[in-house]
Amino acid sequence: MGFLKTLLIIIGVYFLLRLIGRILAPRLFRYAVKKTGDRFQKAYEQARENGETRFSGRDGEIRGPAKKKKPASSEKIGEYIDFEEIE
């Protein structure tokens, strides 16, 4: 009888936690996303006030880091040989 009672309590707690998770998880996720967005907005505004160049583009413009070009290798690798087919 004790084993069955313990098993039913464990199953009940499991389903109760799942139900609570389905209700609270979306709210917690929304809260985390909003908080992160507020932090990014605050950092953006602070950078604009300080005149940092990282955010110097127009509002809404997406910019990535500048790509650095590799200098062409001046080292000779080998000689080009043109092969002909022999029949």
PDB file of N, CA and C in Angstrom:
ATOM      1  N   MET A   1       0.819  -1.189   0.000  1.00  0.00           N
ATOM      2  CA  MET A   1       0.000   0.000   0.000  1.00  0.00           C
ATOM      3  C   MET A   1       0.870   1.263   0.000  1.00  0.00           C
ATOM      4  N   GLY A   2       1.971   1.258   0.741  1.00  0.00           N
ATOM      5  CA  GLY A   2       2.858   2.411   0.823  1.00  0.00           C
ATOM      6  C   GLY A   2       3.513   2.725  -0.518  1.00  0.00           C
ATOM      7  N   PHE A   3       3.895   1.661  -1.249  1.00  0.00           N
ATOM      8  CA  PHE A   3       4.533   1.844  -2.555  1.00  0.00           C
ATOM      9  C   PHE A   3       3.567   2.489  -3.538  1.00  0.00           C
ATOM     10  N   LEU A   4       2.321   2.012  -3.542  1.00  0.00           N
ATOM     11  CA  LEU A   4       1.306   2.539  -4.451  1.00  0.00           C
ATOM     12  C   LEU A   4       1.005   4.005  -4.145  1.00  0.00           C
ATOM     13  N   LYS A   5       0.920   4.335  -2.863  1.00  0.00           N
ATOM     14  CA  LYS A   5       0.662   5.713  -2.446  1.00  0.00           C
ATOM     15  C   LYS A   5       1.809   6.640  -2.882  1.00  0.00           C
ATOM     16  N   THR A   6       3.047   6.186  -2.693  1.00  0.00           N
ATOM     17  CA  THR A   6       4.224   6.958  -3.089  1.00  0.00           C
ATOM     18  C   THR A   6       4.244   7.153  -4.600  1.00  0.00           C
ATOM     19  N   LEU A   7       3.939   6.101  -5.333  1.00  0.00           N
ATOM     20  CA  LEU A   7       3.916   6.172  -6.793  1.00  0.00           C
ATOM     21  C   LEU A   7       2.865   7.165  -7.276  1.00  0.00           C
ATOM     22  N   LEU A   8       1.675   7.143  -6.685  1.00  0.00           N
ATOM     23  CA  LEU A   8       0.621   8.078  -7.069  1.00  0.00           C
ATOM     24  C   LEU A   8       1.004   9.521  -6.734  1.00  0.00           C
ATOM     25  N   ILE A   9       1.674   9.739  -5.626  1.00  0.00           N
ATOM     26  CA  ILE A   9       2.124  11.083  -5.269  1.00  0.00           C
ATOM     27  C   ILE A   9       3.157  11.585  -6.278  1.00  0.00           C
ATOM     28  N   ILE A  10       4.098  10.726  -6.647  1.00  0.00           N
ATOM     29  CA  ILE A  10       5.127  11.106  -7.632  1.00  0.00           C
ATOM     30  C   ILE A  10       4.483  11.444  -8.968  1.00  0.00           C
ATOM     31  N   ILE A  11       3.545  10.629  -9.427  1.00  0.00           N
ATOM     32  CA  ILE A  11       2.864  10.882 -10.693  1.00  0.00           C
ATOM     33  C   ILE A  11       2.045  12.165 -10.607  1.00  0.00           C
ATOM     34  N   GLY A  12       1.360  12.395  -9.485  1.00  0.00           N
ATOM     35  CA  GLY A  12       0.574  13.615  -9.302  1.00  0.00           C
ATOM     36  C   GLY A  12       1.442  14.863  -9.328  1.00  0.00           C
ATOM     37  N   VAL A  13       2.583  14.811  -8.642  1.00  0.00           N
ATOM     38  CA  VAL A  13       3.502  15.948  -8.633  1.00  0.00           C
ATOM     39  C   VAL A  13       4.049  16.200 -10.033  1.00  0.00           C
ATOM     40  N   TYR A  14       4.363  15.144 -10.757  1.00  0.00           N
ATOM     41  CA  TYR A  14       4.877  15.271 -12.122  1.00  0.00           C
ATOM     42  C   TYR A  14       3.870  16.006 -13.009  1.00  0.00           C
ATOM     43  N   PHE A  15       2.607  15.557 -12.989  1.00  0.00           N
ATOM     44  CA  PHE A  15       1.602  16.201 -13.830  1.00  0.00           C
ATOM     45  C   PHE A  15       1.287  17.619 -13.359  1.00  0.00           C
ATOM     46  N   LEU A  16       1.344  17.871 -12.066  1.00  0.00           N
ATOM     47  CA  LEU A  16       1.134  19.216 -11.546  1.00  0.00           C
ATOM     48  C   LEU A  16       2.240  20.167 -12.013  1.00  0.00           C
ATOM     49  N   LEU A  17       3.490  19.693 -11.983  1.00  0.00           N
ATOM     50  CA  LEU A  17       4.609  20.508 -12.467  1.00  0.00           C
ATOM     51  C   LEU A  17       4.508  20.779 -13.965  1.00  0.00           C
ATOM     52  N   ARG A  18       4.053  19.795 -14.717  1.00  0.00           N
ATOM     53  CA  ARG A  18       3.862  19.991 -16.158  1.00  0.00           C
ATOM     54  C   ARG A  18       2.797  21.042 -16.421  1.00  0.00           C
ATOM     55  N   LEU A  19       1.708  20.997 -15.661  1.00  0.00           N
ATOM     56  CA  LEU A  19       0.628  21.964 -15.826  1.00  0.00           C
ATOM     57  C   LEU A  19       1.107  23.367 -15.467  1.00  0.00           C
ATOM     58  N   ILE A  20       1.804  23.484 -14.376  1.00  0.00           N
ATOM     59  CA  ILE A  20       2.335  24.787 -13.963  1.00  0.00           C
ATOM     60  C   ILE A  20       3.355  25.289 -14.986  1.00  0.00           C
ATOM     61  N   GLY A  21       4.177  24.387 -15.510  1.00  0.00           N
ATOM     62  CA  GLY A  21       5.172  24.757 -16.520  1.00  0.00           C
ATOM     63  C   GLY A  21       4.536  25.283 -17.790  1.00  0.00           C
ATOM     64  N   ARG A  22       3.429  24.690 -18.193  1.00  0.00           N
ATOM     65  CA  ARG A  22       2.743  25.150 -19.409  1.00  0.00           C
ATOM     66  C   ARG A  22       2.138  26.531 -19.223  1.00  0.00           C
ATOM     67  N   ILE A  23       1.793  26.851 -17.996  1.00  0.00           N
ATOM     68  CA  ILE A  23       1.208  28.163 -17.727  1.00  0.00           C
ATOM     69  C   ILE A  23       2.317  29.207 -17.539  1.00  0.00           C
ATOM     70  N   LEU A  24       3.343  28.878 -16.773  1.00  0.00           N
ATOM     71  CA  LEU A  24       4.370  29.851 -16.419  1.00  0.00           C
ATOM     72  C   LEU A  24       5.479  30.004 -17.452  1.00  0.00           C
ATOM     73  N   ALA A  25       5.802  28.963 -18.192  1.00  0.00           N
ATOM     74  CA  ALA A  25       6.926  29.014 -19.130  1.00  0.00           C
ATOM     75  C   ALA A  25       6.781  30.124 -20.170  1.00  0.00           C
ATOM     76  N   PRO A  26       5.629  30.275 -20.817  1.00  0.00           N
ATOM     77  CA  PRO A  26       5.515  31.370 -21.802  1.00  0.00           C
ATOM     78  C   PRO A  26       5.678  32.752 -21.160  1.00  0.00           C
ATOM     79  N   ARG A  27       5.157  32.919 -19.957  1.00  0.00           N
ATOM     80  CA  ARG A  27       5.284  34.213 -19.280  1.00  0.00           C
ATOM     81  C   ARG A  27       6.731  34.487 -18.913  1.00  0.00           C
ATOM     82  N   LEU A  28       7.434  33.473 -18.426  1.00  0.00           N
ATOM     83  CA  LEU A  28       8.846  33.650 -18.089  1.00  0.00           C
ATOM     84  C   LEU A  28       9.669  33.957 -19.333  1.00  0.00           C
ATOM     85  N   PHE A  29       9.350  33.276 -20.429  1.00  0.00           N
ATOM     86  CA  PHE A  29      10.075  33.507 -21.682  1.00  0.00           C
ATOM     87  C   PHE A  29       9.840  34.928 -22.185  1.00  0.00           C
ATOM     88  N   ARG A  30       8.566  35.391 -22.158  1.00  0.00           N
ATOM     89  CA  ARG A  30       8.254  36.751 -22.571  1.00  0.00           C
ATOM     90  C   ARG A  30       8.992  37.773 -21.714  1.00  0.00           C
ATOM     91  N   TYR A  31       9.038  37.521 -20.414  1.00  0.00           N
ATOM     92  CA  TYR A  31       9.729  38.421 -19.500  1.00  0.00           C
ATOM     93  C   TYR A  31      11.220  38.491 -19.841  1.00  0.00           C
ATOM     94  N   ALA A  32      11.845  37.328 -20.091  1.00  0.00           N
ATOM     95  CA  ALA A  32      13.278  37.288 -20.404  1.00  0.00           C
ATOM     96  C   ALA A  32      13.572  38.012 -21.717  1.00  0.00           C
ATOM     97  N   VAL A  33      12.731  37.827 -22.721  1.00  0.00           N
ATOM     98  CA  VAL A  33      12.929  38.482 -24.012  1.00  0.00           C
ATOM     99  C   VAL A  33      12.780  39.994 -23.865  1.00  0.00           C
ATOM    100  N   LYS A  34      11.777  40.425 -23.110  1.00  0.00           N
ATOM    101  CA  LYS A  34      11.565  41.861 -22.898  1.00  0.00           C
ATOM    102  C   LYS A  34      12.736  42.479 -22.158  1.00  0.00           C
ATOM    103  N   LYS A  35      13.220  41.802 -21.131  1.00  0.00           N
ATOM    104  CA  LYS A  35      14.339  42.304 -20.345  1.00  0.00           C
ATOM    105  C   LYS A  35      15.599  42.431 -21.210  1.00  0.00           C
ATOM    106  N   THR A  36      15.861  41.428 -22.039  1.00  0.00           N
ATOM    107  CA  THR A  36      17.021  41.459 -22.929  1.00  0.00           C
ATOM    108  C   THR A  36      16.892  42.590 -23.949  1.00  0.00           C
ATOM    109  N   GLY A  37      15.694  42.772 -24.502  1.00  0.00           N
ATOM    110  CA  GLY A  37      15.466  43.866 -25.444  1.00  0.00           C
ATOM    111  C   GLY A  37      15.686  45.213 -24.797  1.00  0.00           C
ATOM    112  N   ASP A  38      15.242  45.363 -23.552  1.00  0.00           N
ATOM    113  CA  ASP A  38      15.461  46.623 -22.834  1.00  0.00           C
ATOM    114  C   ASP A  38      16.950  46.886 -22.622  1.00  0.00           C
ATOM    115  N   ARG A  39      17.697  45.847 -22.313  1.00  0.00           N
ATOM    116  CA  ARG A  39      19.143  46.007 -22.111  1.00  0.00           C
ATOM    117  C   ARG A  39      19.833  46.439 -23.402  1.00  0.00           C
ATOM    118  N   PHE A  40      19.458  45.824 -24.520  1.00  0.00           N
ATOM    119  CA  PHE A  40      20.048  46.200 -25.803  1.00  0.00           C
ATOM    120  C   PHE A  40      19.674  47.636 -26.165  1.00  0.00           C
ATOM    121  N   GLN A  41      18.422  48.002 -25.918  1.00  0.00           N
ATOM    122  CA  GLN A  41      17.978  49.359 -26.212  1.00  0.00           C
ATOM    123  C   GLN A  41      18.756  50.367 -25.377  1.00  0.00           C
ATOM    124  N   LYS A  42      18.952  50.065 -24.101  1.00  0.00           N
ATOM    125  CA  LYS A  42      19.688  50.958 -23.213  1.00  0.00           C
ATOM    126  C   LYS A  42      21.150  51.100 -23.674  1.00  0.00           C
ATOM    127  N   ALA A  43      21.770  49.983 -24.049  1.00  0.00           N
ATOM    128  CA  ALA A  43      23.157  50.019 -24.524  1.00  0.00           C
ATOM    129  C   ALA A  43      23.253  50.818 -25.818  1.00  0.00           C
ATOM    130  N   TYR A  44      22.269  50.666 -26.693  1.00  0.00           N
ATOM    131  CA  TYR A  44      22.263  51.399 -27.958  1.00  0.00           C
ATOM    132  C   TYR A  44      22.145  52.897 -27.706  1.00  0.00           C
ATOM    133  N   GLU A  45      21.203  53.268 -26.846  1.00  0.00           N
ATOM    134  CA  GLU A  45      21.012  54.691 -26.551  1.00  0.00           C
ATOM    135  C   GLU A  45      22.240  55.292 -25.872  1.00  0.00           C
ATOM    136  N   GLN A  46      22.836  54.542 -24.980  1.00  0.00           N
ATOM    137  CA  GLN A  46      24.028  55.024 -24.283  1.00  0.00           C
ATOM    138  C   GLN A  46      25.180  55.208 -25.270  1.00  0.00           C
ATOM    139  N   ALA A  47      25.328  54.286 -26.196  1.00  0.00           N
ATOM    140  CA  ALA A  47      26.393  54.391 -27.194  1.00  0.00           C
ATOM    141  C   ALA A  47      26.145  55.582 -28.119  1.00  0.00           C
ATOM    142  N   ARG A  48      24.889  55.829 -28.466  1.00  0.00           N
ATOM    143  CA  ARG A  48      24.567  56.980 -29.319  1.00  0.00           C
ATOM    144  C   ARG A  48      24.897  58.289 -28.610  1.00  0.00           C
ATOM    145  N   GLU A  49      24.632  58.345 -27.300  1.00  0.00           N
ATOM    146  CA  GLU A  49      24.927  59.555 -26.537  1.00  0.00           C
ATOM    147  C   GLU A  49      26.428  59.795 -26.431  1.00  0.00           C
ATOM    148  N   ASN A  50      27.200  58.712 -26.300  1.00  0.00           N
ATOM    149  CA  ASN A  50      28.654  58.828 -26.158  1.00  0.00           C
ATOM    150  C   ASN A  50      29.347  58.994 -27.501  1.00  0.00           C
ATOM    151  N   GLY A  51      28.617  58.836 -28.600  1.00  0.00           N
ATOM    152  CA  GLY A  51      29.184  59.018 -29.933  1.00  0.00           C
ATOM    153  C   GLY A  51      30.074  57.873 -30.378  1.00  0.00           C
ATOM    154  N   GLU A  52      29.819  56.681 -29.899  1.00  0.00           N
ATOM    155  CA  GLU A  52      30.623  55.535 -30.333  1.00  0.00           C
ATOM    156  C   GLU A  52      30.340  55.240 -31.795  1.00  0.00           C
ATOM    157  N   THR A  53      31.385  54.891 -32.525  1.00  0.00           N
ATOM    158  CA  THR A  53      31.250  54.663 -33.962  1.00  0.00           C
ATOM    159  C   THR A  53      30.652  53.304 -34.284  1.00  0.00           C
ATOM    160  N   ARG A  54      30.595  52.418 -33.331  1.00  0.00           N
ATOM    161  CA  ARG A  54      30.056  51.084 -33.597  1.00  0.00           C
ATOM    162  C   ARG A  54      28.589  51.165 -34.004  1.00  0.00           C
ATOM    163  N   PHE A  55      27.878  52.163 -33.504  1.00  0.00           N
ATOM    164  CA  PHE A  55      26.471  52.333 -33.826  1.00  0.00           C
ATOM    165  C   PHE A  55      26.249  53.574 -34.679  1.00  0.00           C
ATOM    166  N   SER A  56      27.228  53.942 -35.497  1.00  0.00           N
ATOM    167  CA  SER A  56      27.166  55.222 -36.199  1.00  0.00           C
ATOM    168  C   SER A  56      26.266  55.206 -37.427  1.00  0.00           C
ATOM    169  N   GLY A  57      25.703  54.082 -37.807  1.00  0.00           N
ATOM    170  CA  GLY A  57      24.867  54.026 -39.000  1.00  0.00           C
ATOM    171  C   GLY A  57      23.502  54.639 -38.760  1.00  0.00           C
ATOM    172  N   ARG A  58      22.706  54.693 -39.819  1.00  0.00           N
ATOM    173  CA  ARG A  58      21.342  55.198 -39.689  1.00  0.00           C
ATOM    174  C   ARG A  58      20.544  54.235 -38.813  1.00  0.00           C
ATOM    175  N   ASP A  59      19.473  54.726 -38.228  1.00  0.00           N
ATOM    176  CA  ASP A  59      18.613  53.866 -37.430  1.00  0.00           C
ATOM    177  C   ASP A  59      18.025  52.775 -38.317  1.00  0.00           C
ATOM    178  N   GLY A  60      18.083  51.552 -37.863  1.00  0.00           N
ATOM    179  CA  GLY A  60      17.535  50.431 -38.598  1.00  0.00           C
ATOM    180  C   GLY A  60      18.496  49.819 -39.596  1.00  0.00           C
ATOM    181  N   GLU A  61      19.637  50.421 -39.813  1.00  0.00           N
ATOM    182  CA  GLU A  61      20.608  49.904 -40.777  1.00  0.00           C
ATOM    183  C   GLU A  61      21.395  48.769 -40.135  1.00  0.00           C
ATOM    184  N   ILE A  62      21.591  47.710 -40.873  1.00  0.00           N
ATOM    185  CA  ILE A  62      22.343  46.567 -40.374  1.00  0.00           C
ATOM    186  C   ILE A  62      23.719  46.596 -41.016  1.00  0.00           C
ATOM    187  N   ARG A  63      24.738  46.600 -40.161  1.00  0.00           N
ATOM    188  CA  ARG A  63      26.105  46.625 -40.663  1.00  0.00           C
ATOM    189  C   ARG A  63      26.901  45.532 -39.984  1.00  0.00           C
ATOM    190  N   GLY A  64      27.778  44.938 -40.728  1.00  0.00           N
ATOM    191  CA  GLY A  64      28.658  43.915 -40.180  1.00  0.00           C
ATOM    192  C   GLY A  64      30.073  44.426 -40.112  1.00  0.00           C
ATOM    193  N   PRO A  65      30.954  43.628 -39.561  1.00  0.00           N
ATOM    194  CA  PRO A  65      32.356  44.047 -39.499  1.00  0.00           C
ATOM    195  C   PRO A  65      32.966  44.109 -40.903  1.00  0.00           C
ATOM    196  N   ALA A  66      33.886  45.025 -41.091  1.00  0.00           N
ATOM    197  CA  ALA A  66      34.552  45.164 -42.388  1.00  0.00           C
ATOM    198  C   ALA A  66      35.415  43.932 -42.649  1.00  0.00           C
ATOM    199  N   LYS A  67      35.344  43.440 -43.855  1.00  0.00           N
ATOM    200  CA  LYS A  67      36.135  42.266 -44.209  1.00  0.00           C
ATOM    201  C   LYS A  67      37.521  42.711 -44.655  1.00  0.00           C
ATOM    202  N   LYS A  68      38.522  42.048 -44.127  1.00  0.00           N
ATOM    203  CA  LYS A  68      39.897  42.355 -44.507  1.00  0.00           C
ATOM    204  C   LYS A  68      40.298  41.442 -45.651  1.00  0.00           C
ATOM    205  N   LYS A  69      40.901  42.049 -46.672  1.00  0.00           N
ATOM    206  CA  LYS A  69      41.334  41.258 -47.819  1.00  0.00           C
ATOM    207  C   LYS A  69      42.712  40.679 -47.544  1.00  0.00           C
ATOM    208  N   LYS A  70      42.886  39.437 -47.960  1.00  0.00           N
ATOM    209  CA  LYS A  70      44.201  38.800 -47.840  1.00  0.00           C
ATOM    210  C   LYS A  70      45.087  39.285 -48.980  1.00  0.00           C
ATOM    211  N   PRO A  71      46.305  39.613 -48.686  1.00  0.00           N
ATOM    212  CA  PRO A  71      47.199  39.986 -49.783  1.00  0.00           C
ATOM    213  C   PRO A  71      47.493  38.760 -50.646  1.00  0.00           C
ATOM    214  N   ALA A  72      47.586  38.985 -51.951  1.00  0.00           N
ATOM    215  CA  ALA A  72      47.858  37.882 -52.870  1.00  0.00           C
ATOM    216  C   ALA A  72      49.239  37.312 -52.575  1.00  0.00           C
ATOM    217  N   SER A  73      49.317  36.006 -52.572  1.00  0.00           N
ATOM    218  CA  SER A  73      50.575  35.336 -52.273  1.00  0.00           C
ATOM    219  C   SER A  73      51.537  35.513 -53.444  1.00  0.00           C
ATOM    220  N   SER A  74      52.734  35.991 -53.151  1.00  0.00           N
ATOM    221  CA  SER A  74      53.720  36.189 -54.212  1.00  0.00           C
ATOM    222  C   SER A  74      54.616  34.955 -54.356  1.00  0.00           C
ATOM    223  N   GLU A  75      54.382  33.982 -53.525  1.00  0.00           N
ATOM    224  CA  GLU A  75      55.204  32.766 -53.553  1.00  0.00           C
ATOM    225  C   GLU A  75      54.785  31.897 -54.733  1.00  0.00           C
ATOM    226  N   LYS A  76      55.777  31.464 -55.534  1.00  0.00           N
ATOM    227  CA  LYS A  76      55.479  30.577 -56.654  1.00  0.00           C
ATOM    228  C   LYS A  76      55.317  29.158 -56.140  1.00  0.00           C
ATOM    229  N   ILE A  77      54.196  28.548 -56.526  1.00  0.00           N
ATOM    230  CA  ILE A  77      53.930  27.196 -56.073  1.00  0.00           C
ATOM    231  C   ILE A  77      54.573  26.172 -57.000  1.00  0.00           C
ATOM    232  N   GLY A  78      54.460  26.401 -58.258  1.00  0.00           N
ATOM    233  CA  GLY A  78      55.037  25.444 -59.201  1.00  0.00           C
ATOM    234  C   GLY A  78      54.835  25.913 -60.629  1.00  0.00           C
ATOM    235  N   GLU A  79      55.240  25.066 -61.551  1.00  0.00           N
ATOM    236  CA  GLU A  79      55.157  25.415 -62.955  1.00  0.00           C
ATOM    237  C   GLU A  79      53.924  24.740 -63.550  1.00  0.00           C
ATOM    238  N   TYR A  80      53.217  25.445 -64.414  1.00  0.00           N
ATOM    239  CA  TYR A  80      52.038  24.896 -65.069  1.00  0.00           C
ATOM    240  C   TYR A  80      52.468  24.052 -66.251  1.00  0.00           C
ATOM    241  N   ILE A  81      51.948  22.833 -66.301  1.00  0.00           N
ATOM    242  CA  ILE A  81      52.286  21.926 -67.406  1.00  0.00           C
ATOM    243  C   ILE A  81      51.001  21.593 -68.140  1.00  0.00           C
ATOM    244  N   ASP A  82      51.016  21.782 -69.456  1.00  0.00           N
ATOM    245  CA  ASP A  82      49.842  21.479 -70.282  1.00  0.00           C
ATOM    246  C   ASP A  82      50.023  20.068 -70.829  1.00  0.00           C
ATOM    247  N   PHE A  83      49.128  19.168 -70.456  1.00  0.00           N
ATOM    248  CA  PHE A  83      49.194  17.791 -70.907  1.00  0.00           C
ATOM    249  C   PHE A  83      48.348  17.614 -72.151  1.00  0.00           C
ATOM    250  N   GLU A  84      48.818  16.745 -73.057  1.00  0.00           N
ATOM    251  CA  GLU A  84      48.047  16.423 -74.257  1.00  0.00           C
ATOM    252  C   GLU A  84      47.684  14.955 -74.211  1.00  0.00           C
ATOM    253  N   GLU A  85      46.509  14.677 -74.771  1.00  0.00           N
ATOM    254  CA  GLU A  85      46.067  13.280 -74.821  1.00  0.00           C
ATOM    255  C   GLU A  85      46.816  12.541 -75.933  1.00  0.00           C
ATOM    256  N   ILE A  86      47.209  11.317 -75.624  1.00  0.00           N
ATOM    257  CA  ILE A  86      47.891  10.493 -76.623  1.00  0.00           C
ATOM    258  C   ILE A  86      46.974   9.334 -76.964  1.00  0.00           C
ATOM    259  N   GLU A  87      46.770   9.142 -78.266  1.00  0.00           N
ATOM    260  CA  GLU A  87      45.885   8.069 -78.699  1.00  0.00           C
ATOM    261  C   GLU A  87      46.653   6.869 -79.176  1.00  0.00           C
TER     262      GLU A  87
END
